[in-house]
């Protein structure tokens, strides 16, 4: 498989977000904003994966806009 810079950076970002969530949720007792941050940070990767398998160029562009 070819290296994909966007996928790799999104994966690293998601790992950082999960670690930040753990720190916020368990050490500082902040739940509402940290859960929203976790959902936001990990959904980017799902949208990138969906864009990779777009059916057309216009579909790819539209899905990248979501990201």
N, C-alpha and C. Protein backbone atom coordinates (compact mmCIF):
# COMPACT_ATOMS: atom_id res chain seq x y z
N UNK A 1 0.84 -1.17 0.00
CA UNK A 1 0.00 0.00 0.00
C UNK A 1 0.89 1.25 0.00
N UNK A 2 0.50 2.22 -0.80
CA UNK A 2 1.27 3.46 -0.87
C UNK A 2 1.14 4.25 0.42
N UNK A 3 2.20 4.96 0.81
CA UNK A 3 2.07 5.81 1.99
C UNK A 3 1.10 6.96 1.73
N UNK A 4 0.29 7.24 2.71
CA UNK A 4 -0.71 8.30 2.58
C UNK A 4 -0.47 9.29 3.73
N UNK A 5 0.02 10.45 3.40
CA UNK A 5 0.38 11.44 4.41
C UNK A 5 -0.84 11.91 5.19
N UNK A 6 -1.94 12.14 4.51
CA UNK A 6 -3.15 12.62 5.18
C UNK A 6 -3.65 11.60 6.18
N UNK A 7 -3.70 10.33 5.78
CA UNK A 7 -4.16 9.27 6.69
C UNK A 7 -3.24 9.16 7.89
N UNK A 8 -1.93 9.21 7.65
CA UNK A 8 -0.97 9.10 8.75
C UNK A 8 -1.09 10.26 9.73
N UNK A 9 -1.23 11.47 9.21
CA UNK A 9 -1.36 12.63 10.09
C UNK A 9 -2.67 12.59 10.86
N UNK A 10 -3.74 12.14 10.24
CA UNK A 10 -5.01 12.02 10.94
C UNK A 10 -4.96 10.98 12.03
N UNK A 11 -4.25 9.89 11.78
CA UNK A 11 -4.12 8.85 12.79
C UNK A 11 -3.34 9.39 14.00
N UNK A 12 -2.24 10.09 13.73
CA UNK A 12 -1.46 10.69 14.82
C UNK A 12 -2.29 11.72 15.58
N UNK A 13 -3.08 12.51 14.87
CA UNK A 13 -3.95 13.49 15.50
C UNK A 13 -4.97 12.81 16.40
N UNK A 14 -5.56 11.72 15.91
CA UNK A 14 -6.56 11.00 16.71
C UNK A 14 -5.94 10.43 17.98
N UNK A 15 -4.72 9.92 17.89
CA UNK A 15 -4.02 9.41 19.07
C UNK A 15 -3.80 10.54 20.07
N UNK A 16 -3.38 11.70 19.58
CA UNK A 16 -3.17 12.86 20.46
C UNK A 16 -4.49 13.29 21.13
N UNK A 17 -5.57 13.27 20.39
CA UNK A 17 -6.88 13.65 20.93
C UNK A 17 -7.32 12.65 22.01
N UNK A 18 -7.12 11.37 21.77
CA UNK A 18 -7.49 10.37 22.76
C UNK A 18 -6.68 10.56 24.05
N UNK A 19 -5.39 10.82 23.91
CA UNK A 19 -4.56 11.05 25.09
C UNK A 19 -4.99 12.31 25.84
N UNK A 20 -5.34 13.36 25.10
CA UNK A 20 -5.82 14.59 25.72
C UNK A 20 -7.14 14.34 26.44
N UNK A 21 -8.02 13.57 25.82
CA UNK A 21 -9.29 13.22 26.45
C UNK A 21 -9.06 12.50 27.77
N UNK A 22 -8.17 11.54 27.77
CA UNK A 22 -7.87 10.80 29.00
C UNK A 22 -7.39 11.75 30.10
N UNK A 23 -6.52 12.66 29.74
CA UNK A 23 -6.00 13.60 30.73
C UNK A 23 -7.10 14.51 31.26
N UNK A 24 -7.92 15.05 30.36
CA UNK A 24 -8.99 15.95 30.78
C UNK A 24 -10.06 15.24 31.60
N UNK A 25 -10.44 14.08 31.16
CA UNK A 25 -11.55 13.38 31.79
C UNK A 25 -11.19 12.82 33.16
N UNK A 26 -10.00 12.31 33.30
CA UNK A 26 -9.68 11.61 34.53
C UNK A 26 -8.90 12.45 35.54
N UNK A 27 -8.14 13.41 35.08
CA UNK A 27 -7.37 14.22 36.02
C UNK A 27 -8.08 15.50 36.39
N UNK A 28 -8.78 16.11 35.47
CA UNK A 28 -9.38 17.41 35.72
C UNK A 28 -10.90 17.34 35.86
N UNK A 29 -11.46 16.15 35.73
CA UNK A 29 -12.90 15.94 35.87
C UNK A 29 -13.73 16.81 34.91
N UNK A 30 -13.30 16.94 33.70
CA UNK A 30 -14.01 17.70 32.65
C UNK A 30 -14.57 16.68 31.68
N UNK A 31 -15.89 16.54 31.63
CA UNK A 31 -16.48 15.46 30.83
C UNK A 31 -17.17 15.94 29.56
N UNK A 32 -17.96 16.98 29.62
CA UNK A 32 -18.79 17.37 28.48
C UNK A 32 -17.93 17.81 27.30
N UNK A 33 -17.06 18.78 27.51
CA UNK A 33 -16.23 19.28 26.41
C UNK A 33 -15.22 18.23 25.96
N UNK A 34 -14.70 17.45 26.89
CA UNK A 34 -13.70 16.45 26.50
C UNK A 34 -14.34 15.35 25.65
N UNK A 35 -15.59 14.99 25.93
CA UNK A 35 -16.26 13.98 25.11
C UNK A 35 -16.53 14.51 23.70
N UNK A 36 -16.91 15.78 23.62
CA UNK A 36 -17.13 16.38 22.30
C UNK A 36 -15.83 16.46 21.52
N UNK A 37 -14.75 16.79 22.20
CA UNK A 37 -13.43 16.83 21.56
C UNK A 37 -13.04 15.44 21.06
N UNK A 38 -13.31 14.42 21.84
CA UNK A 38 -12.99 13.05 21.43
C UNK A 38 -13.78 12.66 20.18
N UNK A 39 -15.06 12.98 20.15
CA UNK A 39 -15.88 12.65 18.98
C UNK A 39 -15.40 13.40 17.74
N UNK A 40 -15.11 14.68 17.91
CA UNK A 40 -14.63 15.49 16.80
C UNK A 40 -13.28 14.98 16.28
N UNK A 41 -12.36 14.74 17.18
CA UNK A 41 -11.00 14.36 16.79
C UNK A 41 -10.91 13.02 16.09
N UNK A 42 -11.78 12.10 16.47
CA UNK A 42 -11.73 10.78 15.84
C UNK A 42 -12.60 10.68 14.59
N UNK A 43 -13.58 11.58 14.43
CA UNK A 43 -14.44 11.51 13.25
C UNK A 43 -13.72 11.98 11.99
N UNK A 44 -12.68 12.78 12.15
CA UNK A 44 -11.93 13.25 10.99
C UNK A 44 -11.34 12.07 10.22
N UNK A 45 -10.77 11.12 10.95
CA UNK A 45 -10.19 9.95 10.31
C UNK A 45 -11.21 9.13 9.54
N UNK A 46 -12.41 9.01 10.09
CA UNK A 46 -13.47 8.27 9.40
C UNK A 46 -13.86 8.96 8.11
N UNK A 47 -13.93 10.28 8.14
CA UNK A 47 -14.27 11.03 6.92
C UNK A 47 -13.16 10.93 5.87
N UNK A 48 -11.92 10.92 6.31
CA UNK A 48 -10.81 10.77 5.36
C UNK A 48 -10.86 9.40 4.70
N UNK A 49 -11.12 8.37 5.48
CA UNK A 49 -11.21 7.03 4.91
C UNK A 49 -12.37 6.94 3.91
N UNK A 50 -13.48 7.58 4.22
CA UNK A 50 -14.61 7.59 3.31
C UNK A 50 -14.28 8.33 2.02
N UNK A 51 -13.52 9.41 2.13
CA UNK A 51 -13.14 10.18 0.95
C UNK A 51 -12.20 9.38 0.05
N UNK A 52 -11.36 8.54 0.64
CA UNK A 52 -10.44 7.73 -0.16
C UNK A 52 -11.18 6.80 -1.11
N UNK A 53 -12.36 6.35 -0.71
CA UNK A 53 -13.11 5.40 -1.52
C UNK A 53 -14.28 6.07 -2.25
N UNK A 54 -14.11 7.34 -2.56
CA UNK A 54 -15.16 8.07 -3.28
C UNK A 54 -15.34 7.48 -4.68
N UNK A 55 -16.54 7.61 -5.19
CA UNK A 55 -16.85 7.01 -6.48
C UNK A 55 -16.49 7.90 -7.66
N UNK A 56 -16.34 9.18 -7.44
CA UNK A 56 -15.98 10.09 -8.51
C UNK A 56 -15.14 11.23 -7.93
N UNK A 57 -14.60 12.04 -8.83
CA UNK A 57 -13.79 13.17 -8.38
C UNK A 57 -14.64 14.18 -7.61
N UNK A 58 -15.84 14.43 -8.09
CA UNK A 58 -16.71 15.38 -7.39
C UNK A 58 -17.15 14.83 -6.03
N UNK A 59 -17.36 13.53 -5.93
CA UNK A 59 -17.69 12.90 -4.66
C UNK A 59 -16.51 13.01 -3.70
N UNK A 60 -15.30 12.82 -4.20
CA UNK A 60 -14.09 12.96 -3.38
C UNK A 60 -13.97 14.39 -2.85
N UNK A 61 -14.17 15.37 -3.70
CA UNK A 61 -14.07 16.77 -3.28
C UNK A 61 -15.13 17.09 -2.23
N UNK A 62 -16.34 16.60 -2.44
CA UNK A 62 -17.41 16.85 -1.48
C UNK A 62 -17.09 16.24 -0.12
N UNK A 63 -16.57 15.03 -0.10
CA UNK A 63 -16.24 14.38 1.17
C UNK A 63 -15.03 15.02 1.84
N UNK A 64 -14.12 15.55 1.06
CA UNK A 64 -12.98 16.26 1.65
C UNK A 64 -13.42 17.57 2.29
N UNK A 65 -14.46 18.17 1.78
CA UNK A 65 -14.99 19.39 2.39
C UNK A 65 -15.50 19.12 3.79
N UNK A 66 -16.06 17.94 4.00
CA UNK A 66 -16.54 17.57 5.33
C UNK A 66 -15.39 17.46 6.33
N UNK A 67 -14.28 16.99 5.84
CA UNK A 67 -13.13 16.81 6.72
C UNK A 67 -12.62 18.17 7.12
